[in-house]
Each structure stands twice: as structure tokens, then as C-alpha cells.
N, C-alpha and C. Protein backbone atom coordinates (compact mmCIF):
# COMPACT_ATOMS: atom_id res chain seq x y z
N MET A 1 0.83 -1.18 0.00
CA MET A 1 0.00 0.00 0.00
C MET A 1 0.88 1.24 0.00
N ALA A 2 0.46 2.26 -0.69
CA ALA A 2 1.23 3.50 -0.80
C ALA A 2 1.19 4.28 0.50
N THR A 3 2.15 5.15 0.63
CA THR A 3 2.27 5.99 1.81
C THR A 3 2.36 7.44 1.36
N LEU A 4 1.80 8.34 2.15
CA LEU A 4 1.90 9.77 1.89
C LEU A 4 2.95 10.36 2.82
N ARG A 5 3.89 11.10 2.26
CA ARG A 5 4.86 11.83 3.07
C ARG A 5 4.41 13.29 3.05
N VAL A 6 4.02 13.80 4.22
CA VAL A 6 3.47 15.14 4.34
C VAL A 6 4.48 16.01 5.09
N THR A 7 4.84 17.14 4.49
CA THR A 7 5.79 18.07 5.08
C THR A 7 5.11 19.43 5.25
N GLN A 8 5.20 20.00 6.44
CA GLN A 8 4.64 21.32 6.66
C GLN A 8 5.60 22.36 6.11
N VAL A 9 5.11 23.23 5.21
CA VAL A 9 5.96 24.24 4.58
C VAL A 9 5.56 25.66 4.93
N LYS A 10 4.39 25.86 5.50
CA LYS A 10 3.94 27.18 5.91
C LYS A 10 3.39 27.12 7.32
N SER A 11 3.38 28.27 7.97
CA SER A 11 2.92 28.37 9.35
C SER A 11 1.40 28.29 9.44
N ALA A 12 0.94 27.79 10.57
CA ALA A 12 -0.50 27.71 10.82
C ALA A 12 -1.01 28.93 11.57
N ASN A 13 -0.15 29.92 11.81
CA ASN A 13 -0.56 31.11 12.57
C ASN A 13 -1.70 31.86 11.93
N SER A 14 -1.68 32.01 10.63
CA SER A 14 -2.73 32.77 9.96
C SER A 14 -3.84 31.88 9.42
N ALA A 15 -3.77 30.59 9.68
CA ALA A 15 -4.78 29.64 9.18
C ALA A 15 -6.01 29.65 10.08
N LYS A 16 -7.10 29.15 9.54
CA LYS A 16 -8.32 29.01 10.33
C LYS A 16 -8.10 27.97 11.42
N LYS A 17 -8.95 28.03 12.44
CA LYS A 17 -8.79 27.14 13.59
C LYS A 17 -8.87 25.67 13.18
N ASN A 18 -9.81 25.32 12.31
CA ASN A 18 -9.94 23.92 11.91
C ASN A 18 -8.73 23.44 11.12
N GLN A 19 -8.08 24.34 10.37
CA GLN A 19 -6.89 23.96 9.62
C GLN A 19 -5.71 23.73 10.56
N ALA A 20 -5.57 24.56 11.57
CA ALA A 20 -4.50 24.37 12.55
C ALA A 20 -4.71 23.06 13.31
N GLU A 21 -5.94 22.75 13.64
CA GLU A 21 -6.24 21.50 14.34
C GLU A 21 -5.99 20.29 13.44
N THR A 22 -6.24 20.43 12.16
CA THR A 22 -5.97 19.35 11.22
C THR A 22 -4.48 19.07 11.14
N LEU A 23 -3.66 20.12 11.13
CA LEU A 23 -2.21 19.93 11.14
C LEU A 23 -1.78 19.16 12.38
N ARG A 24 -2.33 19.53 13.53
CA ARG A 24 -1.99 18.83 14.78
C ARG A 24 -2.42 17.37 14.72
N THR A 25 -3.58 17.12 14.15
CA THR A 25 -4.09 15.75 14.03
C THR A 25 -3.18 14.91 13.13
N LEU A 26 -2.65 15.52 12.10
CA LEU A 26 -1.71 14.82 11.23
C LEU A 26 -0.37 14.59 11.91
N GLY A 27 -0.08 15.34 12.97
CA GLY A 27 1.18 15.20 13.69
C GLY A 27 2.21 16.24 13.33
N LEU A 28 1.77 17.32 12.68
CA LEU A 28 2.67 18.40 12.27
C LEU A 28 2.55 19.55 13.26
N ARG A 29 3.69 19.98 13.80
CA ARG A 29 3.69 21.02 14.81
C ARG A 29 4.41 22.29 14.39
N LYS A 30 5.43 22.17 13.54
CA LYS A 30 6.17 23.35 13.10
C LYS A 30 6.66 23.16 11.67
N ILE A 31 7.09 24.24 11.06
CA ILE A 31 7.55 24.20 9.68
C ILE A 31 8.74 23.25 9.58
N GLY A 32 8.71 22.40 8.58
CA GLY A 32 9.78 21.43 8.37
C GLY A 32 9.48 20.06 8.94
N ASP A 33 8.45 19.93 9.75
CA ASP A 33 8.07 18.61 10.27
C ASP A 33 7.60 17.71 9.14
N VAL A 34 7.96 16.44 9.20
CA VAL A 34 7.58 15.47 8.18
C VAL A 34 6.94 14.27 8.86
N VAL A 35 5.80 13.83 8.33
CA VAL A 35 5.14 12.61 8.82
C VAL A 35 4.80 11.74 7.62
N GLU A 36 4.74 10.44 7.86
CA GLU A 36 4.30 9.51 6.82
C GLU A 36 3.03 8.84 7.31
N ARG A 37 2.02 8.86 6.47
CA ARG A 37 0.72 8.27 6.78
C ARG A 37 0.31 7.36 5.63
N GLU A 38 -0.48 6.33 5.94
CA GLU A 38 -0.99 5.45 4.90
C GLU A 38 -1.90 6.25 3.98
N ASP A 39 -1.97 5.84 2.74
CA ASP A 39 -2.80 6.53 1.75
C ASP A 39 -4.24 6.04 1.88
N LEU A 40 -4.92 6.59 2.88
CA LEU A 40 -6.32 6.25 3.16
C LEU A 40 -7.19 7.48 2.93
N PRO A 41 -8.48 7.27 2.65
CA PRO A 41 -9.36 8.41 2.34
C PRO A 41 -9.41 9.48 3.42
N HIS A 42 -9.41 9.09 4.70
CA HIS A 42 -9.51 10.12 5.73
C HIS A 42 -8.23 10.95 5.84
N TYR A 43 -7.07 10.36 5.57
CA TYR A 43 -5.84 11.15 5.54
C TYR A 43 -5.81 12.05 4.31
N ARG A 44 -6.31 11.57 3.17
CA ARG A 44 -6.39 12.41 1.97
C ARG A 44 -7.28 13.62 2.23
N GLY A 45 -8.38 13.41 2.93
CA GLY A 45 -9.28 14.53 3.25
C GLY A 45 -8.61 15.56 4.14
N MET A 46 -7.85 15.09 5.13
CA MET A 46 -7.12 16.01 6.01
C MET A 46 -6.09 16.81 5.22
N VAL A 47 -5.37 16.12 4.33
CA VAL A 47 -4.35 16.80 3.52
C VAL A 47 -5.01 17.83 2.61
N ASN A 48 -6.15 17.51 2.03
CA ASN A 48 -6.84 18.46 1.15
C ASN A 48 -7.30 19.70 1.91
N THR A 49 -7.59 19.55 3.20
CA THR A 49 -8.00 20.70 4.02
C THR A 49 -6.86 21.69 4.19
N VAL A 50 -5.63 21.19 4.28
CA VAL A 50 -4.48 22.05 4.55
C VAL A 50 -3.45 22.03 3.41
N ILE A 51 -3.91 21.76 2.19
CA ILE A 51 -3.01 21.59 1.05
C ILE A 51 -2.16 22.84 0.80
N HIS A 52 -2.64 24.02 1.17
CA HIS A 52 -1.87 25.25 0.97
C HIS A 52 -0.78 25.44 2.02
N LEU A 53 -0.77 24.59 3.05
CA LEU A 53 0.22 24.69 4.12
C LEU A 53 1.25 23.56 4.10
N VAL A 54 1.01 22.54 3.27
CA VAL A 54 1.87 21.36 3.28
C VAL A 54 2.32 21.00 1.88
N SER A 55 3.33 20.14 1.84
CA SER A 55 3.80 19.53 0.61
C SER A 55 3.57 18.03 0.74
N VAL A 56 3.07 17.39 -0.32
CA VAL A 56 2.71 15.97 -0.24
C VAL A 56 3.44 15.19 -1.32
N GLU A 57 4.00 14.03 -0.92
CA GLU A 57 4.64 13.11 -1.88
C GLU A 57 4.07 11.73 -1.65
N GLU A 58 3.92 10.96 -2.72
CA GLU A 58 3.54 9.56 -2.58
C GLU A 58 4.80 8.72 -2.54
N VAL A 59 4.89 7.84 -1.55
CA VAL A 59 6.05 6.97 -1.37
C VAL A 59 5.57 5.54 -1.43
N ASP A 60 6.31 4.68 -2.11
CA ASP A 60 5.95 3.26 -2.17
C ASP A 60 6.64 2.48 -1.10
């Protein structure tokens, strides 16, 4: 199964509250943090919510 590598590239300071909470739920706390999550629909939805704050790569 594929994996998503999510990297935070922008600050959540100016983001809406739900976007900042989504970053925390993904495990991202500061710029430069990287997490790997399984490529599941609920993780894709979270990433789509904060797509302007993160960088996403698919890893096999």
C-alpha cells in the first residue's frame, strides 16, 4: 500500500482554527516537520484541508 509523506511548509498562525487542528491531528507542529501516513481516504481529506500549508509526496 502507498504511503503519503506530508511536510509542513507554511505556518498555521494565519490559518483558520480547523486547519490548525488538522495539522496537529496529522502530527505536524512546526515548519519542516515530516510525517508519513498510509494513503487512506480520511488522511487524503485532512491533507486536502491544509493543502496550501503542506507539501505531499507519494512513497511506495
